[in-house]
Amino acid sequence: MIGALITTGLSFILSLCFIIIVFLKQRPNLKKVKQSGISFVLIFVLLYIVIYFIMPSVIVPNILVLNIIAACITVPLMYLLLMGGNVAIKTRHTGVFAIIGFLILSIPAIYVYGLFSLDNVHDSIQTEERDQAKPLSKNDTPIAVAPESARNKMQKAMSIVPNPQFYDLGKLQVQKINDKIVYVAPLEFTGFWKFIRGQETEGYFTISATNVNAQPEFISSKMQYTNSSYFHKNIQRVIYDKFPQYVQSGEAQIEVDDNGKPWYVQTLYRTMNITDKPDLNALKVAVVDPNTGGVSLYETEKAPAFIEGSISSEIASLQNNFFGKYVHGWFNSKFGKRDVRMPNESGTEKSVTPVFDENGEMYYFTDMTSPKENIDSALGYTMIHARTGELTYYNGEMNNGIMDSVGAKQIVNKEFPEKNWEGSMPILYNIDGQATWVVNVLDPNGLFKKYAYINAADSDFVVFGETANQTLKSYRIALQQNPSFVNSSDQAEIENVEGIINRVLVSTNDDIQIVQFLLKNDPIIYTVNTTIEPKAIFLTEGDTVNMEVKIRDEATGSVESIEIKGLTD
């Protein structure tokens, strides 16, 4: 194995040179030479076996540590065996021990150098800052089934798998297959003996990530090379044998092409200079065929088109940490903490949550909060593109003085204490100009119960619903009825609407009257604040109106101005 040879090569050469020097100077008898030779071989065979199982990446810190360990074991032992118990270190031998001492002292030096290189890691992230996110539209796919719910359903469907006692569900991954957003989870062996008996897994499960009523589907597709296989059929080992100089990020995930064939995908990175710190501007992705074990390496954005997550959630989480914490380097992250932002841990995958935009591209969402304790307001949030790794930070008017994801989950948790329902997968959206947390409500078994839309600037403004569309519509109507939000700005275009009043409802909110009405042959619910037109309170069935309206998703309309025939004209 190339990795094992490189990581122990220096200590091997150093120990061999030491043996030759002692042999030439001391002329030990053949018995001692034989004993030391056998010991020398056994030590490096043992080291090779250890490295075979731990698979350390071939980077400078790992090379130094492993060679120091090997040299510190081998050289003293060979010295004792060859010198026959005379442990006095001769002057001519001190050079070898000096080299070992130098190697040992280099470890803390590299560690300190790595601390002061953290700002370089921050600078290696492709970063863009924006003031405000686009408003949510009906073409977006903002609401996904919580992964806990998807995994729960898949677990219950395991009985349909041949020999289910051999397997458990692997890493859950959200992706798009044939234009449908689904969760995918491969079957993985439950242990070594199950691998020996089975040799190959049976396939994978899929389930809709947008339909809470969907049921899982099992796809039969046998795989020999998996995360839970052993020896040369283990995915991590397959990649390590080909690319030992790269660091593997987390566990490989399954991605399925449009023909239903699964592939294992693993994000890789190189380290910066002599440190173990990642270079986040040069990420790679390894794609493994689970049938043949063939490996292909790509730049993340040039991976096959069916791969949504060539950037893993682990790398996305790492990016958030370096972006927020080390904006001005390590010293500032400990003292002063100027501009420091800490990612919240509310995500569904390694503190991030995958979402899809209106173009069908996947991003990882994470909100950022202050490093100061007992502060539950969000400073902004990041969206990391799951193929390019580009990080977009939203920090504008929408994000000032709003609660963070932890606060949003706590609101849901306090709403249903008797049922032990909890909030999951909070995502921040701009809905009609209002920062809004959208949260899944799950029961203790991880099954979906409701959606919660929470106004991020007002913890008392919460709307619950059974479906995404119904909850969104109810939330928008509630916004229009609330005098604090009725004039909120958004990007909806103003349209001229004329019609005849069919139904009217007048309500009072904080001493301000809100008029809602329907027009004949028009499904849109229109809302007008009496501060815009005081005479709107006198609207009645049959009145003819001419209005300027902001219509949102053909469901609700906010009246900007109104003329009532015979009353205002």
Protein backbone atom coordinates (compact mmCIF):
# COMPACT_ATOMS: atom_id res chain seq x y z
CA MET A 1 0.00 0.00 0.00
CA ILE A 2 1.46 3.35 -1.10
CA GLY A 3 0.15 5.19 1.96
CA ALA A 4 1.81 2.78 4.39
CA LEU A 5 5.14 2.94 2.57
CA ILE A 6 5.18 6.75 2.55
CA THR A 7 4.02 7.25 6.12
CA THR A 8 6.65 4.90 7.60
CA GLY A 9 9.38 5.17 4.97
CA LEU A 10 11.49 7.74 6.81
CA SER A 11 11.54 5.76 10.05
CA PHE A 12 12.32 2.59 8.09
CA ILE A 13 15.33 4.21 6.43
CA LEU A 14 16.46 5.84 9.69
CA SER A 15 16.25 2.56 11.62
CA LEU A 16 18.02 0.63 8.86
CA CYS A 17 20.85 3.18 8.74
CA PHE A 18 21.20 2.98 12.51
CA ILE A 19 21.47 -0.83 12.37
CA ILE A 20 24.12 -0.63 9.66
CA ILE A 21 26.15 1.94 11.63
CA VAL A 22 26.05 -0.11 14.82
CA PHE A 23 26.86 -3.30 12.91
CA LEU A 24 29.88 -1.74 11.21
CA LYS A 25 31.21 -0.11 14.41
CA GLN A 26 30.40 -2.75 17.05
CA ARG A 27 30.56 -5.95 15.00
CA PRO A 28 27.89 -7.76 17.02
CA ASN A 29 27.64 -11.55 16.74
CA LEU A 30 25.36 -13.19 14.21
CA LYS A 31 22.83 -14.18 16.88
CA LYS A 32 22.29 -10.55 17.83
CA VAL A 33 22.07 -9.54 14.20
CA LYS A 34 19.49 -12.25 13.55
CA GLN A 35 17.42 -11.23 16.61
CA SER A 36 17.50 -7.55 15.67
CA GLY A 37 16.69 -8.32 12.04
CA ILE A 38 13.66 -10.42 12.95
CA SER A 39 12.50 -7.75 15.43
CA PHE A 40 13.02 -5.05 12.80
CA VAL A 41 10.88 -6.87 10.26
CA LEU A 42 8.16 -7.74 12.79
CA ILE A 43 7.89 -4.13 13.98
CA PHE A 44 7.37 -2.78 10.48
CA VAL A 45 4.96 -5.55 9.54
CA LEU A 46 2.97 -4.61 12.65
CA LEU A 47 3.12 -0.92 11.72
CA TYR A 48 2.00 -1.74 8.20
CA ILE A 49 -1.01 -3.64 9.57
CA VAL A 50 -1.91 -0.73 11.88
CA ILE A 51 -1.67 1.77 9.03
CA TYR A 52 -3.67 -0.57 6.80
CA PHE A 53 -6.61 -0.30 9.20
CA ILE A 54 -6.38 3.34 10.27
CA MET A 55 -5.63 4.61 6.73
CA PRO A 56 -3.95 7.93 7.62
CA SER A 57 -3.87 10.48 4.81
CA VAL A 58 -0.41 11.13 3.41
CA ILE A 59 0.02 14.67 4.75
CA VAL A 60 3.02 16.17 6.55
CA PRO A 61 1.66 16.01 10.14
CA ASN A 62 0.63 12.36 9.74
CA ILE A 63 3.96 11.44 8.16
CA LEU A 64 5.86 13.06 11.01
CA VAL A 65 3.78 11.51 13.79
CA LEU A 66 3.87 7.98 12.36
CA ASN A 67 7.57 8.14 11.61
CA ILE A 68 8.31 9.45 15.11
CA ILE A 69 6.30 6.62 16.67
CA ALA A 70 8.04 4.04 14.47
CA ALA A 71 11.52 5.50 15.07
CA CYS A 72 11.00 5.81 18.83
CA ILE A 73 10.09 2.11 18.99
CA THR A 74 12.54 0.70 16.47
CA VAL A 75 15.78 2.60 17.10
CA PRO A 76 16.00 2.06 20.92
CA LEU A 77 14.99 -1.59 20.53
CA MET A 78 17.61 -2.22 17.85
CA TYR A 79 20.19 -0.41 19.95
CA LEU A 80 19.51 -2.65 22.96
CA LEU A 81 19.56 -5.84 20.89
CA LEU A 82 22.75 -5.00 19.05
CA MET A 83 24.62 -3.56 22.02
CA GLY A 84 23.84 -6.58 24.19
CA GLY A 85 22.44 -4.65 27.13
CA ASN A 86 25.04 -1.90 27.08
CA VAL A 87 22.67 1.03 26.84
CA ALA A 88 25.25 3.80 27.05
CA ILE A 89 24.75 5.97 23.99
CA LYS A 90 28.01 6.37 22.11
CA THR A 91 28.94 9.75 20.71
CA ARG A 92 28.86 8.38 17.19
CA HIS A 93 25.25 7.30 17.73
CA THR A 94 23.91 10.58 19.07
CA GLY A 95 23.25 11.88 15.57
CA VAL A 96 20.49 9.34 15.04
CA PHE A 97 18.85 10.24 18.35
CA ALA A 98 19.24 13.94 17.53
CA ILE A 99 17.25 13.39 14.33
CA ILE A 100 14.49 11.71 16.33
CA GLY A 101 14.51 14.61 18.80
CA PHE A 102 14.26 17.10 15.93
CA LEU A 103 11.29 15.23 14.49
CA ILE A 104 9.54 15.27 17.87
CA LEU A 105 10.07 19.03 18.28
CA SER A 106 8.70 19.67 14.77
CA ILE A 107 5.21 18.54 15.78
CA PRO A 108 4.40 21.49 18.11
CA ALA A 109 6.03 23.84 15.60
CA ILE A 110 3.70 22.64 12.85
CA TYR A 111 0.73 22.88 15.21
CA VAL A 112 1.52 26.52 16.05
CA TYR A 113 2.08 27.32 12.37
CA GLY A 114 -1.31 25.74 11.62
CA LEU A 115 -3.06 28.03 14.12
CA PHE A 116 -1.74 31.11 12.38
CA SER A 117 -2.75 29.69 8.99
CA LEU A 118 -6.46 29.59 9.84
CA ASP A 119 -7.14 32.93 8.16
CA ASN A 120 -5.67 31.43 4.98
CA VAL A 121 -8.26 28.66 5.17
CA HIS A 122 -10.95 31.32 5.58
CA ASP A 123 -9.65 33.12 2.49
CA SER A 124 -9.71 29.88 0.48
CA ILE A 125 -13.54 29.76 0.69
CA GLN A 126 -15.39 31.12 -2.34
CA THR A 127 -17.53 33.74 -0.62
CA GLU A 128 -20.20 36.22 -1.68
CA GLU A 129 -22.27 38.49 0.58
CA ARG A 130 -25.80 39.65 -0.19
CA ASP A 131 -28.25 41.87 1.63
CA GLN A 132 -31.43 39.88 1.25
CA ALA A 133 -32.77 36.60 -0.09
CA LYS A 134 -35.33 36.42 -2.85
CA PRO A 135 -38.95 36.10 -1.70
CA LEU A 136 -40.31 32.58 -1.60
CA SER A 137 -42.38 31.68 -4.67
CA LYS A 138 -44.66 28.80 -5.55
CA ASN A 139 -41.98 27.45 -7.91
CA ASP A 140 -39.53 26.92 -5.04
CA THR A 141 -39.23 23.67 -3.13
CA PRO A 142 -38.57 25.11 0.32
CA ILE A 143 -40.26 22.48 2.43
CA ALA A 144 -38.76 19.02 2.61
CA VAL A 145 -39.80 16.09 4.76
CA ALA A 146 -37.59 16.00 7.85
CA PRO A 147 -34.92 13.27 7.51
CA GLU A 148 -35.97 11.75 10.86
CA SER A 149 -39.41 11.09 9.38
CA ALA A 150 -37.98 9.64 6.16
CA ARG A 151 -35.59 7.34 8.03
CA ASN A 152 -38.38 6.17 10.34
CA LYS A 153 -40.51 5.09 7.39
CA MET A 154 -37.60 3.35 5.71
CA GLN A 155 -36.77 1.43 8.87
CA LYS A 156 -40.35 0.18 9.07
CA ALA A 157 -40.12 -1.03 5.45
CA MET A 158 -36.98 -3.14 6.03
CA SER A 159 -39.07 -6.32 6.17
CA ILE A 160 -39.41 -6.28 2.37
CA VAL A 161 -35.63 -6.64 1.98
CA PRO A 162 -34.19 -10.15 1.48
CA ASN A 163 -32.35 -11.23 4.67
CA PRO A 164 -33.16 -7.98 6.51
CA GLN A 165 -31.20 -9.18 9.57
CA PHE A 166 -28.00 -8.60 7.58
CA TYR A 167 -28.58 -4.90 7.01
CA ASP A 168 -29.26 -1.49 8.42
CA LEU A 169 -29.87 1.85 6.72
CA GLY A 170 -26.80 3.81 5.66
CA LYS A 171 -26.30 7.55 5.35
CA LEU A 172 -29.45 9.38 4.25
CA GLN A 173 -28.88 11.68 1.28
CA VAL A 174 -31.33 14.06 -0.40
CA GLN A 175 -31.06 14.42 -4.17
CA LYS A 176 -33.05 14.87 -7.36
CA ILE A 177 -33.83 11.76 -9.44
CA ASN A 178 -35.75 12.27 -12.68
CA ASP A 179 -36.84 15.75 -11.51
CA LYS A 180 -38.18 14.42 -8.19
CA ILE A 181 -36.55 15.40 -4.91
CA VAL A 182 -36.09 12.28 -2.81
CA TYR A 183 -34.15 10.88 0.11
CA VAL A 184 -31.87 7.94 -0.73
CA ALA A 185 -30.40 5.50 1.80
CA PRO A 186 -28.33 2.42 0.92
CA LEU A 187 -28.44 -0.85 2.82
CA GLU A 188 -25.28 -1.41 4.86
CA PHE A 189 -23.98 -4.51 6.64
CA THR A 190 -24.59 -4.60 10.39
CA GLY A 191 -21.21 -6.19 11.15
CA PHE A 192 -18.20 -8.21 10.03
CA TRP A 193 -19.85 -11.64 10.05
CA LYS A 194 -22.86 -10.34 8.14
CA PHE A 195 -20.43 -9.08 5.48
CA ILE A 196 -18.70 -12.49 5.36
CA ARG A 197 -22.05 -14.22 4.91
CA GLY A 198 -23.61 -11.75 2.49
CA GLN A 199 -20.65 -10.36 0.50
CA GLU A 200 -22.97 -7.88 -1.25
CA THR A 201 -25.89 -5.66 -0.22
CA GLU A 202 -29.32 -5.83 -1.85
CA GLY A 203 -29.92 -2.21 -2.89
CA TYR A 204 -31.29 1.05 -1.53
CA PHE A 205 -34.45 2.85 -0.43
CA THR A 206 -35.94 6.07 -1.80
CA ILE A 207 -38.75 8.25 -0.46
CA SER A 208 -40.14 11.63 -1.52
CA ALA A 209 -38.55 14.57 0.28
CA THR A 210 -41.51 16.88 -0.42
CA ASN A 211 -44.59 14.71 0.17
CA VAL A 212 -45.18 13.92 3.85
CA ASN A 213 -47.63 11.15 2.93
CA ALA A 214 -45.25 9.30 0.61
CA GLN A 215 -44.09 5.77 1.38
CA PRO A 216 -40.58 4.39 0.81
CA GLU A 217 -39.70 2.34 -2.24
CA PHE A 218 -37.02 -0.35 -2.22
CA ILE A 219 -34.82 -0.56 -5.34
CA SER A 220 -32.98 -3.84 -5.88
CA SER A 221 -29.42 -3.07 -6.97
CA LYS A 222 -26.71 -5.31 -5.52
CA MET A 223 -23.53 -3.62 -4.33
CA GLN A 224 -20.24 -5.31 -3.42
CA TYR A 225 -18.29 -2.17 -2.51
CA THR A 226 -19.96 -0.30 0.35
CA ASN A 227 -19.17 1.78 3.43
CA SER A 228 -19.79 -1.25 5.65
CA SER A 229 -17.82 -3.80 3.61
CA TYR A 230 -14.41 -4.89 4.84
CA PHE A 231 -10.87 -5.14 3.43
CA HIS A 232 -10.47 -4.28 -0.24
CA LYS A 233 -14.23 -3.85 -0.74
CA ASN A 234 -14.56 -0.98 1.73
CA ILE A 235 -15.32 2.33 -0.02
CA GLN A 236 -12.95 4.35 2.15
CA ARG A 237 -10.12 1.89 1.43
CA VAL A 238 -10.82 1.84 -2.30
CA ILE A 239 -10.48 5.63 -2.42
CA TYR A 240 -7.48 5.64 -0.06
CA ASP A 241 -5.58 3.13 -2.22
CA LYS A 242 -5.99 5.39 -5.25
CA PHE A 243 -5.62 8.81 -3.64
CA PRO A 244 -3.80 8.54 -0.27
CA GLN A 245 -2.62 12.15 -0.52
CA TYR A 246 -6.19 13.42 -0.10
CA VAL A 247 -8.19 13.71 3.12
CA GLN A 248 -11.65 12.12 2.99
CA SER A 249 -14.47 14.22 4.42
CA GLY A 250 -16.91 12.17 6.50
CA GLU A 251 -18.61 9.05 5.20
CA ALA A 252 -19.23 8.48 1.49
CA GLN A 253 -22.86 8.98 0.46
CA ILE A 254 -24.99 7.29 -2.15
CA GLU A 255 -26.12 9.12 -5.30
CA VAL A 256 -28.35 7.56 -7.94
CA ASP A 257 -28.18 8.32 -11.66
CA ASP A 258 -31.21 8.71 -13.91
CA ASN A 259 -31.09 4.99 -14.78
CA GLY A 260 -31.42 4.00 -11.12
CA LYS A 261 -27.79 2.89 -10.73
CA PRO A 262 -26.26 3.86 -7.34
CA TRP A 263 -22.78 5.33 -6.94
CA TYR A 264 -20.79 6.14 -3.83
CA VAL A 265 -19.60 9.75 -3.69
CA GLN A 266 -16.89 11.12 -1.38
CA THR A 267 -15.57 14.68 -1.10
CA LEU A 268 -11.77 15.01 -0.85
CA TYR A 269 -9.42 17.88 -0.07
CA ARG A 270 -5.70 18.62 0.07
CA THR A 271 -4.16 20.33 3.07
CA MET A 272 -2.42 23.70 3.12
CA ASN A 273 1.37 23.58 3.06
CA ILE A 274 2.72 21.50 5.96
CA THR A 275 -0.42 21.77 8.12
CA ASP A 276 -3.53 19.59 8.41
CA LYS A 277 -5.77 22.57 7.55
CA PRO A 278 -7.99 22.13 4.44
CA ASP A 279 -7.62 24.06 1.21
CA LEU A 280 -11.31 24.74 0.52
CA ASN A 281 -10.66 26.27 -2.88
CA ALA A 282 -9.50 23.03 -4.49
CA LEU A 283 -12.03 20.39 -3.51
CA LYS A 284 -12.33 17.09 -5.37
CA VAL A 285 -14.95 14.36 -5.44
CA ALA A 286 -14.31 10.64 -5.86
CA VAL A 287 -17.06 8.58 -7.49
CA VAL A 288 -16.96 4.82 -6.88
CA ASP A 289 -18.82 2.14 -8.84
CA PRO A 290 -20.20 -0.19 -6.11
CA ASN A 291 -20.15 -3.16 -8.49
CA THR A 292 -16.60 -2.98 -9.84
CA GLY A 293 -14.81 -0.76 -7.33
CA GLY A 294 -13.67 1.57 -10.12
CA VAL A 295 -12.86 5.10 -8.90
CA SER A 296 -13.00 8.38 -10.83
CA LEU A 297 -11.80 11.74 -9.49
CA TYR A 298 -13.41 15.04 -10.51
CA GLU A 299 -13.41 18.67 -9.57
CA THR A 300 -16.61 19.05 -7.57
CA GLU A 301 -18.41 21.29 -10.08
CA LYS A 302 -17.43 18.96 -12.95
CA ALA A 303 -18.81 15.79 -11.37
CA PRO A 304 -21.45 13.87 -13.38
CA ALA A 305 -24.67 15.88 -13.63
CA PHE A 306 -26.74 13.42 -11.57
CA ILE A 307 -24.63 14.18 -8.49
CA GLU A 308 -26.24 16.96 -6.46
CA GLY A 309 -23.97 16.76 -3.42
CA SER A 310 -20.40 16.55 -4.68
CA ILE A 311 -19.72 18.85 -1.71
CA SER A 312 -20.52 16.79 1.39
CA SER A 313 -22.45 18.10 4.38
CA GLU A 314 -19.27 17.61 6.44
CA ILE A 315 -17.33 19.95 4.15
CA ALA A 316 -20.20 22.48 4.20
CA SER A 317 -20.15 22.42 7.99
CA LEU A 318 -16.37 22.88 7.94
CA GLN A 319 -16.73 25.86 5.60
CA ASN A 320 -19.28 27.50 7.89
CA ASN A 321 -16.98 27.07 10.86
CA PHE A 322 -13.94 28.58 9.15
CA PHE A 323 -16.00 31.34 7.50
CA GLY A 324 -17.64 32.48 10.71
CA LYS A 325 -15.02 31.82 13.36
CA TYR A 326 -11.72 32.67 11.68
CA VAL A 327 -12.70 35.76 9.69
CA HIS A 328 -9.70 37.61 11.19
CA GLY A 329 -7.58 34.61 12.17
CA TRP A 330 -7.08 32.44 15.23
CA PHE A 331 -6.04 35.17 17.68
CA ASN A 332 -9.18 37.20 16.99
CA SER A 333 -11.35 34.08 17.40
CA LYS A 334 -10.10 33.80 21.00
CA PHE A 335 -9.64 37.45 21.96
CA GLY A 336 -11.83 40.33 20.83
CA LYS A 337 -13.91 38.19 18.44
CA ARG A 338 -14.47 41.05 15.99
CA ASP A 339 -16.93 40.03 13.22
CA VAL A 340 -17.00 36.45 14.54
CA ARG A 341 -20.17 34.48 13.76
CA MET A 342 -20.91 30.99 15.03
CA PRO A 343 -22.96 28.48 12.99
CA ASN A 344 -25.93 27.03 14.84
CA GLU A 345 -26.25 23.27 15.28
CA SER A 346 -29.89 23.02 14.15
CA GLY A 347 -29.17 21.45 10.76
CA THR A 348 -30.25 17.98 9.74
CA GLU A 349 -26.85 16.88 8.39
CA LYS A 350 -23.72 17.81 10.36
CA SER A 351 -25.30 21.16 11.40
CA VAL A 352 -26.39 22.05 7.84
CA THR A 353 -29.74 21.52 6.09
CA PRO A 354 -29.93 20.70 2.36
CA VAL A 355 -32.55 22.66 0.38
CA PHE A 356 -33.33 23.12 -3.32
CA ASP A 357 -33.90 26.44 -5.04
CA GLU A 358 -36.35 27.25 -7.84
CA ASN A 359 -33.79 26.07 -10.42
CA GLY A 360 -33.49 22.64 -8.82
CA GLU A 361 -29.97 23.25 -7.50
CA MET A 362 -29.06 22.05 -4.02
CA TYR A 363 -27.66 24.25 -1.26
CA TYR A 364 -26.73 23.76 2.39
CA PHE A 365 -28.43 26.21 4.76
CA THR A 366 -27.08 27.32 8.16
CA ASP A 367 -27.93 30.32 10.30
CA MET A 368 -25.18 32.19 12.14
CA THR A 369 -25.39 33.57 15.66
CA SER A 370 -23.23 35.61 18.03
CA PRO A 371 -20.40 33.92 19.96
CA LYS A 372 -21.71 35.66 23.09
CA GLU A 373 -23.67 33.32 25.35
CA ASN A 374 -27.41 33.73 25.91
CA ILE A 375 -27.82 35.58 22.61
CA ASP A 376 -30.53 33.91 20.52
CA SER A 377 -30.68 36.32 17.60
CA ALA A 378 -29.47 35.45 14.10
CA LEU A 379 -26.70 37.54 12.56
CA GLY A 380 -27.42 36.12 9.12
CA TYR A 381 -27.31 32.82 7.31
CA THR A 382 -25.23 31.00 4.73
CA MET A 383 -26.19 29.05 1.62
CA ILE A 384 -23.44 26.79 0.26
CA HIS A 385 -23.82 25.47 -3.28
CA ALA A 386 -23.60 21.68 -3.09
CA ARG A 387 -21.57 21.35 -6.31
CA THR A 388 -19.33 24.40 -6.46
CA GLY A 389 -18.86 24.97 -2.73
CA GLU A 390 -19.51 28.70 -3.16
CA LEU A 391 -20.72 30.21 0.12
CA THR A 392 -23.28 33.02 0.01
CA TYR A 393 -23.79 34.95 3.23
CA TYR A 394 -27.09 36.83 3.63
CA ASN A 395 -26.75 39.68 6.08
CA GLY A 396 -29.10 42.56 5.35
CA GLU A 397 -32.24 44.32 6.50
CA MET A 398 -34.13 41.06 6.70
CA ASN A 399 -31.75 39.64 9.28
CA ASN A 400 -31.64 42.49 11.80
CA GLY A 401 -33.02 41.65 15.22
CA ILE A 402 -34.51 38.26 14.37
CA MET A 403 -34.43 35.04 16.34
CA ASP A 404 -32.10 32.23 15.37
CA SER A 405 -32.98 28.62 14.51
CA VAL A 406 -32.60 27.46 18.12
CA GLY A 407 -35.23 29.99 19.21
CA ALA A 408 -37.58 28.87 16.41
CA LYS A 409 -37.32 25.22 17.48
CA GLN A 410 -37.95 26.17 21.11
CA ILE A 411 -41.18 27.95 20.15
CA VAL A 412 -42.47 24.76 18.52
CA ASN A 413 -41.29 22.59 21.42
CA LYS A 414 -43.22 24.74 23.92
CA GLU A 415 -46.41 24.60 21.82
CA PHE A 416 -47.04 20.86 22.29
CA PRO A 417 -45.48 19.85 25.64
CA GLU A 418 -48.14 17.26 26.42
CA LYS A 419 -47.52 15.44 23.11
CA ASN A 420 -43.72 15.79 23.16
CA TRP A 421 -43.78 17.10 19.59
CA GLU A 422 -40.61 18.90 18.61
CA GLY A 423 -39.42 21.24 15.89
CA SER A 424 -37.00 19.98 13.27
CA MET A 425 -35.22 21.32 10.18
CA PRO A 426 -35.76 25.09 10.66
CA ILE A 427 -35.09 27.06 7.47
CA LEU A 428 -35.22 30.85 7.13
CA TYR A 429 -37.14 32.33 4.18
CA ASN A 430 -38.12 35.75 2.99
CA ILE A 431 -41.90 35.53 2.66
CA ASP A 432 -43.49 38.75 1.38
CA GLY A 433 -40.67 40.81 2.85
CA GLN A 434 -40.79 39.10 6.24
CA ALA A 435 -38.03 36.88 7.62
CA THR A 436 -39.84 33.63 8.42
CA TRP A 437 -38.73 30.37 10.00
CA VAL A 438 -40.33 27.30 8.44
CA VAL A 439 -40.14 24.34 10.82
CA ASN A 440 -41.25 20.70 10.62
CA VAL A 441 -43.17 19.50 13.70
CA LEU A 442 -42.43 15.83 14.50
CA ASP A 443 -43.69 13.38 17.09
CA PRO A 444 -41.28 11.39 19.32
CA ASN A 445 -41.04 8.69 16.61
CA GLY A 446 -39.90 11.20 14.01
CA LEU A 447 -43.23 11.19 12.14
CA PHE A 448 -44.41 14.43 10.57
CA LYS A 449 -47.36 16.19 12.23
CA LYS A 450 -47.48 19.83 11.14
CA TYR A 451 -45.68 22.74 9.55
CA ALA A 452 -44.93 25.84 11.59
CA TYR A 453 -44.39 29.27 10.02
CA ILE A 454 -42.84 31.61 12.59
CA ASN A 455 -42.21 35.30 12.02
CA ALA A 456 -38.55 35.67 12.91
CA ALA A 457 -39.04 39.22 14.25
CA ASP A 458 -42.05 38.34 16.44
CA SER A 459 -42.01 35.08 18.39
CA ASP A 460 -45.76 35.37 19.05
CA PHE A 461 -46.61 35.34 15.35
CA VAL A 462 -46.90 31.62 14.55
CA VAL A 463 -49.10 29.76 12.06
CA PHE A 464 -49.45 25.96 12.04
CA GLY A 465 -50.85 23.86 9.21
CA GLU A 466 -51.14 20.33 7.87
CA THR A 467 -49.70 20.97 4.39
CA ALA A 468 -47.04 23.30 3.03
CA ASN A 469 -49.36 25.16 0.64
CA GLN A 470 -52.15 25.55 3.16
CA THR A 471 -49.79 26.80 5.88
CA LEU A 472 -48.11 29.24 3.51
CA LYS A 473 -51.49 30.63 2.42
CA SER A 474 -52.69 30.97 6.03
CA TYR A 475 -49.45 32.68 7.00
CA ARG A 476 -49.76 35.21 4.20
CA ILE A 477 -53.34 36.00 5.12
CA ALA A 478 -52.28 36.46 8.75
CA LEU A 479 -49.53 38.83 7.63
CA GLN A 480 -52.03 40.95 5.75
CA GLN A 481 -54.34 41.07 8.75
CA ASN A 482 -51.56 42.17 11.10
CA PRO A 483 -51.09 45.95 11.08
CA SER A 484 -47.39 45.54 11.83
CA PHE A 485 -46.81 43.59 8.62
CA VAL A 486 -49.58 44.58 6.23
CA ASN A 487 -47.42 47.14 4.47
CA SER A 488 -44.30 44.99 4.42
CA SER A 489 -42.28 45.33 1.25
CA ASP A 490 -41.77 42.49 -1.19
CA GLN A 491 -40.97 41.98 -4.84
CA ALA A 492 -44.52 41.19 -6.01
CA GLU A 493 -45.50 43.37 -8.95
CA ILE A 494 -48.47 45.73 -8.68
CA GLU A 495 -51.40 44.75 -10.89
CA ASN A 496 -54.60 46.63 -11.78
CA VAL A 497 -57.68 44.62 -10.82
CA GLU A 498 -61.34 45.48 -11.41
CA GLY A 499 -64.35 43.46 -10.27
CA ILE A 500 -67.54 43.12 -8.29
CA ILE A 501 -67.50 42.36 -4.56
CA ASN A 502 -68.85 38.89 -3.72
CA ARG A 503 -68.03 38.43 -0.01
CA VAL A 504 -66.71 40.81 2.70
CA LEU A 505 -65.14 40.24 6.13
CA VAL A 506 -64.14 43.06 8.49
CA SER A 507 -61.83 42.34 11.44
CA THR A 508 -60.03 44.45 14.03
CA ASN A 509 -56.38 43.97 14.99
CA ASP A 510 -54.74 46.30 17.51
CA ASP A 511 -57.46 48.93 16.96
CA ILE A 512 -56.83 48.87 13.20
CA GLN A 513 -59.57 47.51 10.96
CA ILE A 514 -58.73 45.08 8.19
CA VAL A 515 -61.13 44.36 5.34
CA GLN A 516 -60.89 41.09 3.41
CA PHE A 517 -63.07 40.34 0.42
CA LEU A 518 -63.61 38.14 -2.61
CA LEU A 519 -64.52 39.22 -6.13
CA LYS A 520 -66.96 37.34 -8.31
CA ASN A 521 -65.29 34.58 -10.36
CA ASP A 522 -61.95 35.31 -8.66
CA PRO A 523 -60.36 32.88 -6.10
CA ILE A 524 -57.89 35.43 -4.70
CA ILE A 525 -58.41 36.69 -1.15
CA TYR A 526 -57.88 40.48 -1.16
CA THR A 527 -56.90 42.43 1.95
CA VAL A 528 -57.04 46.19 2.47
CA ASN A 529 -56.03 48.15 5.54
CA THR A 530 -58.45 50.99 6.43
CA THR A 531 -55.44 53.26 6.90
CA ILE A 532 -55.04 53.03 3.11
CA GLU A 533 -58.73 53.74 2.42
CA PRO A 534 -60.98 54.49 5.44
CA LYS A 535 -64.15 54.05 3.37
CA ALA A 536 -63.21 50.43 2.64
CA ILE A 537 -64.99 49.51 5.86
CA PHE A 538 -68.27 50.25 4.08
CA LEU A 539 -67.65 47.74 1.29
CA THR A 540 -70.66 45.55 0.61
CA GLU A 541 -71.69 42.79 -1.76
CA GLY A 542 -72.26 44.08 -5.29
CA ASP A 543 -69.87 47.06 -5.09
CA THR A 544 -67.62 47.62 -8.09
CA VAL A 545 -63.97 48.26 -7.25
CA ASN A 546 -60.86 49.26 -9.18
CA MET A 547 -57.63 48.48 -7.35
CA GLU A 548 -53.84 48.38 -7.47
CA VAL A 549 -52.86 45.05 -5.89
CA LYS A 550 -49.77 43.04 -5.09
CA ILE A 551 -50.77 39.44 -5.87
CA ARG A 552 -48.71 36.65 -4.36
CA ASP A 553 -48.74 33.21 -5.95
CA GLU A 554 -52.33 33.68 -7.22
CA ALA A 555 -53.59 33.07 -3.67
CA THR A 556 -53.65 36.36 -1.78
CA GLY A 557 -53.61 40.01 -2.76
CA SER A 558 -52.52 43.05 -0.77
CA VAL A 559 -54.43 46.16 -1.86
CA GLU A 560 -52.18 49.21 -2.32
CA SER A 561 -54.96 51.56 -3.46
CA ILE A 562 -58.70 51.16 -4.10
CA GLU A 563 -61.53 53.07 -5.79
CA ILE A 564 -65.08 52.09 -4.85
CA LYS A 565 -67.68 53.09 -7.46
CA GLY A 566 -70.22 55.48 -6.00
CA LEU A 567 -68.30 55.83 -2.75
CA THR A 568 -64.79 57.15 -3.44
CA ASP A 569 -65.10 58.40 -7.04
